[in-house]
């Protein structure tokens, strides 16, 4: 039995679906099973990483787990996993852990990685770059004005499709030989934000415009939507553009094909921007 935590998220849902296609026995943990909307064939149970009393039932009979990162909740889950006899934990971390200048996002994931490594359980750590799905945050602006207002610089990144993160997770869960390994996961190409907006415009058949914001303007614009430390971390991460723009061979090596391009992702999600 494989347990998927965060099973209704962008990546977790894909992990569930891809494991089912592989014929795996899958249990999905979610806070609201009645609203999960997961496919037939998966056992859906109520569980919450912040509610330790819900974990024994979710972990009963489980050998492997895809673990969604949640600050402050890992130690309790890992202790429950040891008691349940877990044999392998595949953690979704973040590439921000690798940056030379620490930021709030990287520090948060670094602490979670440390908890997993120190748990005594066999582990594999996945460090994906920025999710392509994060660009759905631009959808309201695109629908309303056709102008994306975001941090204005020439920093490039290598965003990754959530389907490819999930595909690597599935291989780490099903194939032997991944215990003790850490994989940096990126998309197949480095793109700046204006270049991604141009791709979206081409897919949508619209002329879109990118309006770059200064860090001060960005902080002010994001203040209703995210904590100041996260906005500051996003700004700081732009200074790491060299590291962010490096393409990792790991996804292609692990899943036996090239990861999806940004244009392919945009074509699949075009309705989100219309």
Protein backbone atom coordinates (compact mmCIF):
# COMPACT_ATOMS: atom_id res chain seq x y z
CA UNK A 1 0.00 0.00 0.00
CA UNK A 2 1.24 3.48 -0.92
CA UNK A 3 -0.05 6.51 0.98
CA UNK A 4 -0.21 9.87 -0.79
CA UNK A 5 -0.44 12.92 1.46
CA UNK A 6 -1.51 16.22 -0.04
CA UNK A 7 -3.47 14.03 -2.42
CA UNK A 8 -5.74 16.77 -3.78
CA UNK A 9 -2.93 19.21 -4.57
CA UNK A 10 -1.45 19.88 -8.00
CA UNK A 11 1.28 17.25 -7.57
CA UNK A 12 -0.45 14.85 -5.18
CA UNK A 13 -3.43 14.37 -7.47
CA UNK A 14 -1.07 13.50 -10.31
CA UNK A 15 0.84 11.05 -8.09
CA UNK A 16 -2.43 9.29 -7.24
CA UNK A 17 -3.53 9.04 -10.87
CA UNK A 18 -0.16 7.87 -12.16
CA UNK A 19 0.24 5.27 -9.42
CA UNK A 20 -3.19 3.88 -10.28
CA UNK A 21 -2.16 3.60 -13.93
CA UNK A 22 0.83 1.56 -12.77
CA UNK A 23 -1.50 -0.82 -10.94
CA UNK A 24 -0.40 0.23 -7.46
CA UNK A 25 -2.58 -0.02 -4.38
CA UNK A 26 -3.11 3.61 -3.36
CA UNK A 27 -4.53 5.32 -0.29
CA UNK A 28 -5.07 9.08 -0.49
CA UNK A 29 -5.06 11.17 2.67
CA UNK A 30 -7.05 14.39 2.67
CA UNK A 31 -8.79 16.63 5.16
CA UNK A 32 -12.08 16.45 3.24
CA UNK A 33 -12.63 13.03 1.65
CA UNK A 34 -16.12 13.97 0.50
CA UNK A 35 -14.69 16.78 -1.62
CA UNK A 36 -11.58 15.01 -2.91
CA UNK A 37 -12.86 14.16 -6.39
CA UNK A 38 -10.21 11.47 -6.82
CA UNK A 39 -10.54 8.63 -9.35
CA UNK A 40 -12.15 5.29 -8.72
CA UNK A 41 -9.75 2.69 -7.41
CA UNK A 42 -8.10 4.83 -4.74
CA UNK A 43 -8.94 4.45 -1.06
CA UNK A 44 -9.65 7.94 0.28
CA UNK A 45 -9.24 8.48 4.02
CA UNK A 46 -9.49 11.47 6.25
CA UNK A 47 -6.16 12.57 7.69
CA UNK A 48 -4.32 15.73 8.58
CA UNK A 49 -0.59 16.10 9.17
CA UNK A 50 -1.38 18.61 11.93
CA UNK A 51 -3.74 16.19 13.71
CA UNK A 52 -1.62 13.26 14.96
CA UNK A 53 -4.67 11.31 16.11
CA UNK A 54 -5.74 10.88 12.45
CA UNK A 55 -2.44 9.34 11.34
CA UNK A 56 -2.47 5.74 12.69
CA UNK A 57 -5.55 4.80 10.65
CA UNK A 58 -4.17 6.48 7.52
CA UNK A 59 -0.84 4.65 7.92
CA UNK A 60 -2.23 1.20 8.74
CA UNK A 61 -0.77 -1.31 6.27
CA UNK A 62 1.21 1.35 4.40
CA UNK A 63 4.75 0.57 3.24
CA UNK A 64 5.61 3.68 1.21
CA UNK A 65 4.50 7.29 1.32
CA UNK A 66 4.60 10.37 -0.87
CA UNK A 67 5.02 13.11 1.71
CA UNK A 68 3.79 16.65 1.16
CA UNK A 69 5.97 19.13 3.11
CA UNK A 70 4.29 20.93 5.98
CA UNK A 71 6.32 22.90 8.50
CA UNK A 72 5.92 21.83 12.10
CA UNK A 73 4.13 18.59 11.28
CA UNK A 74 6.86 16.31 9.99
CA UNK A 75 8.23 14.92 13.23
CA UNK A 76 4.81 13.69 14.35
CA UNK A 77 4.09 12.06 11.02
CA UNK A 78 7.51 10.43 10.79
CA UNK A 79 7.23 9.05 14.32
CA UNK A 80 3.81 7.61 13.45
CA UNK A 81 5.30 6.20 10.26
CA UNK A 82 8.04 4.40 12.17
CA UNK A 83 5.49 2.86 14.48
CA UNK A 84 3.45 1.76 11.46
CA UNK A 85 6.47 0.10 9.81
CA UNK A 86 7.00 2.48 6.87
CA UNK A 87 9.71 1.28 4.49
CA UNK A 88 10.23 4.35 2.29
CA UNK A 89 9.41 8.08 2.39
CA UNK A 90 9.50 10.15 -0.82
CA UNK A 91 9.54 13.80 0.23
CA UNK A 92 8.63 16.67 -2.06
CA UNK A 93 11.00 19.47 -1.07
CA UNK A 94 12.06 22.49 -3.18
CA UNK A 95 15.06 23.65 -5.20
CA UNK A 96 15.26 26.73 -2.94
CA UNK A 97 17.21 24.52 -0.51
CA UNK A 98 20.16 24.63 -2.94
CA UNK A 99 20.50 28.41 -3.21
CA UNK A 100 23.67 30.04 -1.91
CA UNK A 101 21.77 32.81 -0.11
CA UNK A 102 19.20 31.35 2.29
CA UNK A 103 15.62 32.63 2.14
CA UNK A 104 12.44 31.83 4.07
CA UNK A 105 11.26 29.21 1.56
CA UNK A 106 14.61 27.44 1.44
CA UNK A 107 15.05 27.47 5.23
CA UNK A 108 11.59 26.01 5.70
CA UNK A 109 12.23 23.12 3.32
CA UNK A 110 15.73 22.56 4.70
CA UNK A 111 14.26 21.97 8.16
CA UNK A 112 11.75 19.50 6.73
CA UNK A 113 14.48 17.63 4.84
CA UNK A 114 16.52 17.41 8.03
CA UNK A 115 13.57 15.91 9.91
CA UNK A 116 13.13 13.25 7.22
CA UNK A 117 16.84 12.39 7.14
CA UNK A 118 16.99 12.17 10.92
CA UNK A 119 13.89 9.99 11.17
CA UNK A 120 15.70 6.71 10.66
CA UNK A 121 13.35 5.84 7.78
CA UNK A 122 14.61 5.19 4.24
CA UNK A 123 14.05 8.37 2.23
CA UNK A 124 14.23 9.96 -1.20
CA UNK A 125 14.11 13.74 -1.55
CA UNK A 126 12.77 15.54 -4.61
CA UNK A 127 13.72 19.19 -5.10
CA UNK A 128 11.54 20.60 -7.88
CA UNK A 129 12.09 24.06 -9.29
CA UNK A 130 9.16 26.48 -9.52
CA UNK A 131 5.91 24.82 -10.60
CA UNK A 132 4.54 25.83 -13.97
CA UNK A 133 1.16 25.81 -12.24
CA UNK A 134 2.27 28.81 -10.17
CA UNK A 135 1.66 30.91 -13.28
CA UNK A 136 -2.06 30.39 -12.78
CA UNK A 137 -1.64 33.31 -10.38
CA UNK A 138 -1.46 35.45 -13.51
CA UNK A 139 -4.84 34.26 -14.78
CA UNK A 140 -7.01 37.03 -13.25
CA UNK A 141 -4.76 39.71 -14.73
CA UNK A 142 -4.69 38.02 -18.13
CA UNK A 143 -8.44 37.63 -18.24
CA UNK A 144 -9.11 41.18 -17.07
CA UNK A 145 -6.47 43.27 -18.84
CA UNK A 146 -4.07 41.13 -20.85
CA UNK A 147 -1.23 42.65 -18.78
CA UNK A 148 0.83 40.64 -16.28
CA UNK A 149 2.33 42.81 -13.53
CA UNK A 150 5.12 40.89 -11.78
CA UNK A 151 8.72 41.31 -10.72
CA UNK A 152 10.54 43.08 -13.51
CA UNK A 153 14.01 41.76 -14.28
CA UNK A 154 15.67 39.42 -16.72
CA UNK A 155 15.96 36.48 -14.32
CA UNK A 156 15.36 33.13 -15.99
CA UNK A 157 14.04 30.00 -14.31
CA UNK A 158 13.36 26.41 -15.33
CA UNK A 159 9.78 25.76 -14.19
CA UNK A 160 8.54 22.18 -14.16
CA UNK A 161 5.19 20.62 -15.01
CA UNK A 162 3.51 19.00 -12.01
CA UNK A 163 2.94 15.87 -14.13
CA UNK A 164 6.71 15.42 -14.36
CA UNK A 165 7.29 15.90 -10.63
CA UNK A 166 4.66 13.22 -10.05
CA UNK A 167 6.22 10.91 -12.65
CA UNK A 168 9.57 11.07 -10.82
CA UNK A 169 7.82 10.49 -7.49
CA UNK A 170 6.10 7.41 -8.89
CA UNK A 171 9.39 5.97 -10.07
CA UNK A 172 10.97 6.63 -6.66
CA UNK A 173 8.02 4.93 -4.96
CA UNK A 174 7.85 1.88 -7.22
CA UNK A 175 11.44 1.21 -8.28
CA UNK A 176 14.20 0.05 -5.97
CA UNK A 177 17.46 1.93 -5.73
CA UNK A 178 16.29 5.44 -4.87
CA UNK A 179 16.69 5.32 -1.08
CA UNK A 180 19.16 7.89 0.18
CA UNK A 181 19.07 9.84 -3.09
CA UNK A 182 18.24 13.51 -3.62
CA UNK A 183 17.09 14.70 -7.05
CA UNK A 184 16.94 18.24 -8.40
CA UNK A 185 13.99 18.47 -10.79
CA UNK A 186 13.58 21.17 -13.44
CA UNK A 187 11.77 21.72 -16.67
CA UNK A 188 13.59 21.34 -20.00
CA UNK A 189 14.25 25.02 -20.72
CA UNK A 190 15.17 28.31 -19.07
CA UNK A 191 12.62 31.07 -19.58
CA UNK A 192 12.18 34.59 -18.24
CA UNK A 193 8.78 35.75 -17.05
CA UNK A 194 8.19 37.89 -20.18
CA UNK A 195 9.03 34.85 -22.33
CA UNK A 196 6.48 32.75 -20.48
CA UNK A 197 3.85 35.46 -20.88
CA UNK A 198 4.61 35.46 -24.62
CA UNK A 199 4.13 31.67 -24.74
CA UNK A 200 0.79 32.02 -22.97
CA UNK A 201 -0.24 34.71 -25.47
CA UNK A 202 0.64 32.46 -28.40
CA UNK A 203 -1.35 29.57 -26.93
CA UNK A 204 -4.34 31.79 -26.20
CA UNK A 205 -4.14 33.64 -29.50
CA UNK A 206 -3.93 36.97 -27.65
CA UNK A 207 -1.37 39.72 -27.45
CA UNK A 208 -0.32 39.81 -23.80
CA UNK A 209 2.02 42.32 -22.18
CA UNK A 210 4.42 41.98 -19.26
CA UNK A 211 4.73 45.00 -16.93
CA UNK A 212 7.75 44.64 -14.66
CA UNK A 213 7.48 45.77 -11.03
CA UNK A 214 10.25 46.99 -8.78
CA UNK A 215 10.79 45.01 -5.55
CA UNK A 216 8.98 47.74 -3.61
CA UNK A 217 6.02 47.69 -6.01
CA UNK A 218 5.94 43.89 -5.88
CA UNK A 219 5.87 43.83 -2.06
CA UNK A 220 2.97 46.27 -2.05
CA UNK A 221 1.05 44.34 -4.73
CA UNK A 222 1.52 41.00 -2.95
CA UNK A 223 0.77 42.20 0.59
CA UNK A 224 -2.93 41.15 0.43
CA UNK A 225 -2.01 37.71 -0.92
CA UNK A 226 1.05 36.40 0.94
CA UNK A 227 3.15 37.02 4.09
CA UNK A 228 5.87 39.64 3.70
CA UNK A 229 8.59 37.02 4.33
CA UNK A 230 7.40 34.99 1.35
CA UNK A 231 7.32 38.04 -0.92
CA UNK A 232 10.84 38.86 0.26
CA UNK A 233 11.91 35.26 -0.40
CA UNK A 234 10.55 35.43 -3.95
CA UNK A 235 12.49 38.64 -4.52
CA UNK A 236 15.64 37.11 -3.07
CA UNK A 237 15.27 34.03 -5.23
CA UNK A 238 15.49 36.21 -8.33
CA UNK A 239 19.06 36.99 -7.37
CA UNK A 240 19.74 33.27 -7.75
CA UNK A 241 18.83 33.35 -11.44
CA UNK A 242 21.98 31.50 -12.44
CA UNK A 243 21.08 28.50 -10.28
CA UNK A 244 17.40 28.75 -11.17
CA UNK A 245 18.19 28.67 -14.89
CA UNK A 246 20.18 25.43 -14.82
CA UNK A 247 18.48 22.47 -16.49
CA UNK A 248 18.72 19.22 -14.51
CA UNK A 249 18.99 15.92 -16.40
CA UNK A 250 17.31 14.02 -13.55
CA UNK A 251 13.69 14.10 -14.79
CA UNK A 252 14.53 12.73 -18.22
CA UNK A 253 16.91 10.14 -16.75
CA UNK A 254 14.34 8.93 -14.22
CA UNK A 255 11.19 8.86 -16.33
CA UNK A 256 12.75 7.91 -19.67
CA UNK A 257 11.48 10.91 -21.65
CA UNK A 258 11.95 14.65 -21.82
CA UNK A 259 9.82 16.61 -19.34
CA UNK A 260 6.98 18.71 -20.70
CA UNK A 261 7.79 22.12 -22.15
CA UNK A 262 6.12 25.26 -20.93
CA UNK A 263 4.16 25.50 -24.19
CA UNK A 264 2.82 21.98 -23.65
CA UNK A 265 1.78 22.84 -20.11
CA UNK A 266 0.13 26.07 -21.28
CA UNK A 267 -1.83 24.24 -23.97
CA UNK A 268 -3.19 21.82 -21.35
CA UNK A 269 -4.26 24.66 -19.06
CA UNK A 270 -5.33 27.31 -21.58
CA UNK A 271 -8.90 27.36 -20.24
CA UNK A 272 -7.58 28.56 -16.87
CA UNK A 273 -6.51 31.81 -18.52
CA UNK A 274 -9.58 32.44 -20.69
